[in-house]
Amino acid sequence: MGILIVEDERRFANLLADELRGLNHKVSLVFNGERALEELKKTSYDVVLSDIRMTPIDGIELLKRVKSRWPEIEVVMMTAYASVETAVGALRFGA
C-alpha cells in the first residue's frame, strides 16, 4: 500500500514512516501541504496521513484539495490538538 505522510513534526513523521515500512508499506514523507500536493501529482498513493495543524496549507485545506482532485485516495487526519469541531469538520470533507 502506498502511503504519503504529511507531518511538520519531523521526528514523529520519521518514527511513523519507519513503523509503516516495517509493515511492508511503501511510504513517502513530506513536511507540509504544498509539498504533499506536488508529490501527489507525481506519484500514486492509496492513503494520505496528514497532520491538521500545518502551514502554509493546514490539514483541512489539504484534505479538501486531495478529495477534490483524487477522490479515490483515503485521507486520515492526525493531530495532538483534538477537538470535536475539528473532527466533525474533517469528516464533513471526506476524512
N, C-alpha and C. Protein backbone atom coordinates (compact mmCIF):
# COMPACT_ATOMS: atom_id res chain seq x y z
N MET A 1 0.84 -1.17 0.00
CA MET A 1 0.00 0.00 0.00
C MET A 1 0.89 1.24 0.00
N GLY A 2 0.59 2.19 -0.83
CA GLY A 2 1.33 3.44 -0.90
C GLY A 2 0.76 4.46 0.06
N ILE A 3 1.60 4.96 0.96
CA ILE A 3 1.16 5.90 1.98
C ILE A 3 2.01 7.15 1.92
N LEU A 4 1.35 8.30 1.89
CA LEU A 4 2.04 9.59 1.96
C LEU A 4 1.78 10.19 3.34
N ILE A 5 2.85 10.43 4.08
CA ILE A 5 2.75 11.07 5.39
C ILE A 5 3.03 12.56 5.23
N VAL A 6 2.11 13.38 5.73
CA VAL A 6 2.26 14.83 5.67
C VAL A 6 2.26 15.32 7.12
N GLU A 7 3.44 15.64 7.61
CA GLU A 7 3.59 15.96 9.04
C GLU A 7 4.76 16.91 9.20
N ASP A 8 4.53 18.05 9.85
CA ASP A 8 5.60 19.03 10.01
C ASP A 8 6.53 18.72 11.18
N GLU A 9 6.15 17.83 12.04
CA GLU A 9 7.00 17.40 13.17
C GLU A 9 7.85 16.23 12.67
N ARG A 10 9.07 16.53 12.27
CA ARG A 10 9.91 15.56 11.57
C ARG A 10 10.21 14.30 12.37
N ARG A 11 10.43 14.45 13.64
CA ARG A 11 10.75 13.27 14.46
C ARG A 11 9.58 12.28 14.46
N PHE A 12 8.37 12.79 14.67
CA PHE A 12 7.19 11.94 14.66
C PHE A 12 6.98 11.34 13.26
N ALA A 13 7.15 12.15 12.23
CA ALA A 13 6.96 11.68 10.86
C ALA A 13 7.91 10.52 10.54
N ASN A 14 9.16 10.65 10.93
CA ASN A 14 10.13 9.59 10.67
C ASN A 14 9.82 8.32 11.46
N LEU A 15 9.39 8.48 12.70
CA LEU A 15 9.00 7.33 13.52
C LEU A 15 7.82 6.59 12.89
N LEU A 16 6.80 7.34 12.49
CA LEU A 16 5.63 6.75 11.86
C LEU A 16 6.01 6.05 10.55
N ALA A 17 6.84 6.70 9.74
CA ALA A 17 7.28 6.11 8.48
C ALA A 17 8.03 4.81 8.71
N ASP A 18 8.91 4.79 9.69
CA ASP A 18 9.66 3.57 9.99
C ASP A 18 8.73 2.43 10.39
N GLU A 19 7.74 2.72 11.22
CA GLU A 19 6.78 1.69 11.65
C GLU A 19 5.99 1.15 10.46
N LEU A 20 5.53 2.02 9.59
CA LEU A 20 4.75 1.58 8.43
C LEU A 20 5.61 0.81 7.43
N ARG A 21 6.83 1.23 7.25
CA ARG A 21 7.74 0.48 6.38
C ARG A 21 8.01 -0.90 6.94
N GLY A 22 8.06 -1.01 8.26
CA GLY A 22 8.23 -2.31 8.91
C GLY A 22 7.07 -3.25 8.65
N LEU A 23 5.93 -2.68 8.28
CA LEU A 23 4.75 -3.47 7.91
C LEU A 23 4.66 -3.66 6.40
N ASN A 24 5.76 -3.37 5.70
CA ASN A 24 5.89 -3.56 4.25
C ASN A 24 5.04 -2.62 3.41
N HIS A 25 4.80 -1.40 3.91
CA HIS A 25 4.11 -0.39 3.11
C HIS A 25 5.15 0.48 2.42
N LYS A 26 4.78 0.98 1.24
CA LYS A 26 5.61 1.96 0.54
C LYS A 26 5.24 3.32 1.13
N VAL A 27 6.21 3.98 1.74
CA VAL A 27 5.93 5.22 2.47
C VAL A 27 6.80 6.36 1.95
N SER A 28 6.17 7.51 1.75
CA SER A 28 6.90 8.73 1.43
C SER A 28 6.54 9.77 2.48
N LEU A 29 7.48 10.68 2.72
CA LEU A 29 7.30 11.74 3.72
C LEU A 29 7.41 13.10 3.07
N VAL A 30 6.53 13.99 3.43
CA VAL A 30 6.68 15.41 3.12
C VAL A 30 6.33 16.17 4.39
N PHE A 31 6.79 17.40 4.49
CA PHE A 31 6.66 18.12 5.74
C PHE A 31 5.72 19.32 5.69
N ASN A 32 4.97 19.47 4.58
CA ASN A 32 3.92 20.49 4.52
C ASN A 32 2.93 20.16 3.41
N GLY A 33 1.81 20.85 3.44
CA GLY A 33 0.73 20.58 2.49
C GLY A 33 1.08 20.88 1.05
N GLU A 34 1.86 21.93 0.83
CA GLU A 34 2.24 22.26 -0.55
C GLU A 34 3.06 21.14 -1.17
N ARG A 35 4.02 20.63 -0.42
CA ARG A 35 4.84 19.51 -0.93
C ARG A 35 3.98 18.27 -1.14
N ALA A 36 2.98 18.08 -0.29
CA ALA A 36 2.09 16.93 -0.45
C ALA A 36 1.38 17.00 -1.79
N LEU A 37 0.86 18.16 -2.14
CA LEU A 37 0.16 18.30 -3.42
C LEU A 37 1.10 18.06 -4.59
N GLU A 38 2.33 18.55 -4.50
CA GLU A 38 3.32 18.30 -5.55
C GLU A 38 3.60 16.80 -5.67
N GLU A 39 3.76 16.13 -4.54
CA GLU A 39 4.06 14.69 -4.53
C GLU A 39 2.90 13.89 -5.11
N LEU A 40 1.68 14.28 -4.79
CA LEU A 40 0.50 13.56 -5.29
C LEU A 40 0.35 13.70 -6.81
N LYS A 41 0.84 14.79 -7.37
CA LYS A 41 0.80 14.97 -8.82
C LYS A 41 1.77 14.01 -9.52
N LYS A 42 2.85 13.63 -8.83
CA LYS A 42 3.90 12.79 -9.43
C LYS A 42 3.71 11.31 -9.17
N THR A 43 3.15 10.97 -8.02
CA THR A 43 3.13 9.58 -7.57
C THR A 43 1.74 9.21 -7.09
N SER A 44 1.34 7.97 -7.36
CA SER A 44 0.03 7.48 -6.92
C SER A 44 0.13 6.91 -5.50
N TYR A 45 -0.82 7.30 -4.65
CA TYR A 45 -0.88 6.81 -3.27
C TYR A 45 -2.27 6.28 -2.97
N ASP A 46 -2.34 5.34 -2.05
CA ASP A 46 -3.62 4.81 -1.58
C ASP A 46 -4.16 5.60 -0.41
N VAL A 47 -3.25 6.08 0.43
CA VAL A 47 -3.62 6.74 1.68
C VAL A 47 -2.72 7.95 1.92
N VAL A 48 -3.33 9.02 2.43
CA VAL A 48 -2.59 10.17 2.92
C VAL A 48 -2.85 10.26 4.42
N LEU A 49 -1.78 10.28 5.20
CA LEU A 49 -1.87 10.52 6.65
C LEU A 49 -1.38 11.94 6.87
N SER A 50 -2.27 12.82 7.30
CA SER A 50 -1.91 14.23 7.39
C SER A 50 -2.17 14.82 8.77
N ASP A 51 -1.20 15.61 9.21
CA ASP A 51 -1.39 16.43 10.39
C ASP A 51 -2.43 17.49 10.05
N ILE A 52 -3.10 18.01 11.06
CA ILE A 52 -4.08 19.07 10.82
C ILE A 52 -3.43 20.44 10.93
N ARG A 53 -2.63 20.65 11.95
CA ARG A 53 -2.03 21.97 12.17
C ARG A 53 -0.69 22.08 11.47
N MET A 54 -0.72 22.70 10.28
CA MET A 54 0.48 22.93 9.48
C MET A 54 0.34 24.28 8.80
N THR A 55 1.45 24.78 8.30
CA THR A 55 1.42 25.98 7.49
C THR A 55 2.22 25.72 6.22
N PRO A 56 2.02 26.39 5.14
CA PRO A 56 1.01 27.41 4.90
C PRO A 56 -0.38 26.83 4.62
N ILE A 57 -0.45 25.57 4.22
CA ILE A 57 -1.74 24.91 3.99
C ILE A 57 -2.00 23.99 5.17
N ASP A 58 -3.11 24.21 5.88
CA ASP A 58 -3.39 23.32 7.00
C ASP A 58 -3.99 22.01 6.50
N GLY A 59 -4.11 21.05 7.40
CA GLY A 59 -4.57 19.72 7.03
C GLY A 59 -5.97 19.67 6.46
N ILE A 60 -6.87 20.53 6.97
CA ILE A 60 -8.24 20.54 6.46
C ILE A 60 -8.26 21.04 5.02
N GLU A 61 -7.51 22.09 4.73
CA GLU A 61 -7.43 22.58 3.35
C GLU A 61 -6.80 21.53 2.45
N LEU A 62 -5.77 20.86 2.93
CA LEU A 62 -5.16 19.77 2.16
C LEU A 62 -6.18 18.67 1.89
N LEU A 63 -6.94 18.30 2.90
CA LEU A 63 -7.98 17.29 2.75
C LEU A 63 -8.96 17.67 1.64
N LYS A 64 -9.43 18.91 1.65
CA LYS A 64 -10.37 19.38 0.62
C LYS A 64 -9.75 19.25 -0.77
N ARG A 65 -8.50 19.67 -0.91
CA ARG A 65 -7.85 19.64 -2.23
C ARG A 65 -7.60 18.21 -2.70
N VAL A 66 -7.18 17.35 -1.79
CA VAL A 66 -6.94 15.95 -2.16
C VAL A 66 -8.24 15.30 -2.60
N LYS A 67 -9.30 15.45 -1.82
CA LYS A 67 -10.57 14.80 -2.15
C LYS A 67 -11.18 15.36 -3.42
N SER A 68 -10.93 16.64 -3.69
CA SER A 68 -11.44 17.25 -4.92
C SER A 68 -10.74 16.69 -6.16
N ARG A 69 -9.44 16.51 -6.07
CA ARG A 69 -8.67 16.08 -7.24
C ARG A 69 -8.48 14.56 -7.32
N TRP A 70 -8.35 13.91 -6.16
CA TRP A 70 -8.12 12.47 -6.10
C TRP A 70 -9.11 11.83 -5.13
N PRO A 71 -10.38 11.75 -5.48
CA PRO A 71 -11.40 11.26 -4.53
C PRO A 71 -11.19 9.81 -4.10
N GLU A 72 -10.42 9.05 -4.85
CA GLU A 72 -10.19 7.65 -4.51
C GLU A 72 -9.17 7.47 -3.37
N ILE A 73 -8.41 8.50 -3.06
CA ILE A 73 -7.41 8.41 -2.01
C ILE A 73 -8.08 8.56 -0.65
N GLU A 74 -7.76 7.63 0.25
CA GLU A 74 -8.25 7.73 1.63
C GLU A 74 -7.36 8.72 2.38
N VAL A 75 -7.98 9.59 3.16
CA VAL A 75 -7.24 10.58 3.93
C VAL A 75 -7.54 10.38 5.41
N VAL A 76 -6.48 10.24 6.18
CA VAL A 76 -6.60 10.09 7.64
C VAL A 76 -5.94 11.31 8.26
N MET A 77 -6.70 12.01 9.10
CA MET A 77 -6.20 13.21 9.75
C MET A 77 -5.63 12.86 11.13
N MET A 78 -4.51 13.51 11.48
CA MET A 78 -3.86 13.28 12.78
C MET A 78 -3.65 14.63 13.45
N THR A 79 -3.79 14.66 14.76
CA THR A 79 -3.49 15.88 15.49
C THR A 79 -3.26 15.59 16.96
N ALA A 80 -2.42 16.40 17.55
CA ALA A 80 -2.24 16.34 19.00
C ALA A 80 -3.18 17.33 19.68
N TYR A 81 -3.92 18.10 18.89
CA TYR A 81 -4.80 19.15 19.40
C TYR A 81 -6.24 18.87 18.98
N ALA A 82 -6.79 17.79 19.48
CA ALA A 82 -8.11 17.33 19.05
C ALA A 82 -9.22 18.20 19.63
N SER A 83 -10.25 18.38 18.82
CA SER A 83 -11.50 18.99 19.28
C SER A 83 -12.63 18.36 18.49
N VAL A 84 -13.81 18.38 19.05
CA VAL A 84 -14.97 17.82 18.36
C VAL A 84 -15.22 18.57 17.06
N GLU A 85 -15.08 19.89 17.10
CA GLU A 85 -15.33 20.69 15.90
C GLU A 85 -14.36 20.33 14.77
N THR A 86 -13.11 20.13 15.11
CA THR A 86 -12.11 19.76 14.10
C THR A 86 -12.43 18.39 13.52
N ALA A 87 -12.78 17.45 14.38
CA ALA A 87 -13.10 16.09 13.91
C ALA A 87 -14.32 16.10 13.00
N VAL A 88 -15.36 16.83 13.39
CA VAL A 88 -16.57 16.90 12.57
C VAL A 88 -16.26 17.57 11.24
N GLY A 89 -15.47 18.63 11.27
CA GLY A 89 -15.09 19.31 10.03
C GLY A 89 -14.33 18.40 9.09
N ALA A 90 -13.40 17.63 9.62
CA ALA A 90 -12.62 16.70 8.79
C ALA A 90 -13.52 15.63 8.18
N LEU A 91 -14.43 15.10 8.97
CA LEU A 91 -15.36 14.09 8.46
C LEU A 91 -16.25 14.67 7.37
N ARG A 92 -16.66 15.90 7.54
CA ARG A 92 -17.52 16.56 6.56
C ARG A 92 -16.84 16.65 5.19
N PHE A 93 -15.52 16.75 5.20
CA PHE A 93 -14.79 16.88 3.94
C PHE A 93 -14.22 15.56 3.44
N GLY A 94 -14.59 14.45 4.05
CA GLY A 94 -14.23 13.16 3.50
C GLY A 94 -13.13 12.39 4.20
N ALA A 95 -12.68 12.84 5.35
CA ALA A 95 -11.64 12.10 6.08
C ALA A 95 -12.21 10.83 6.66
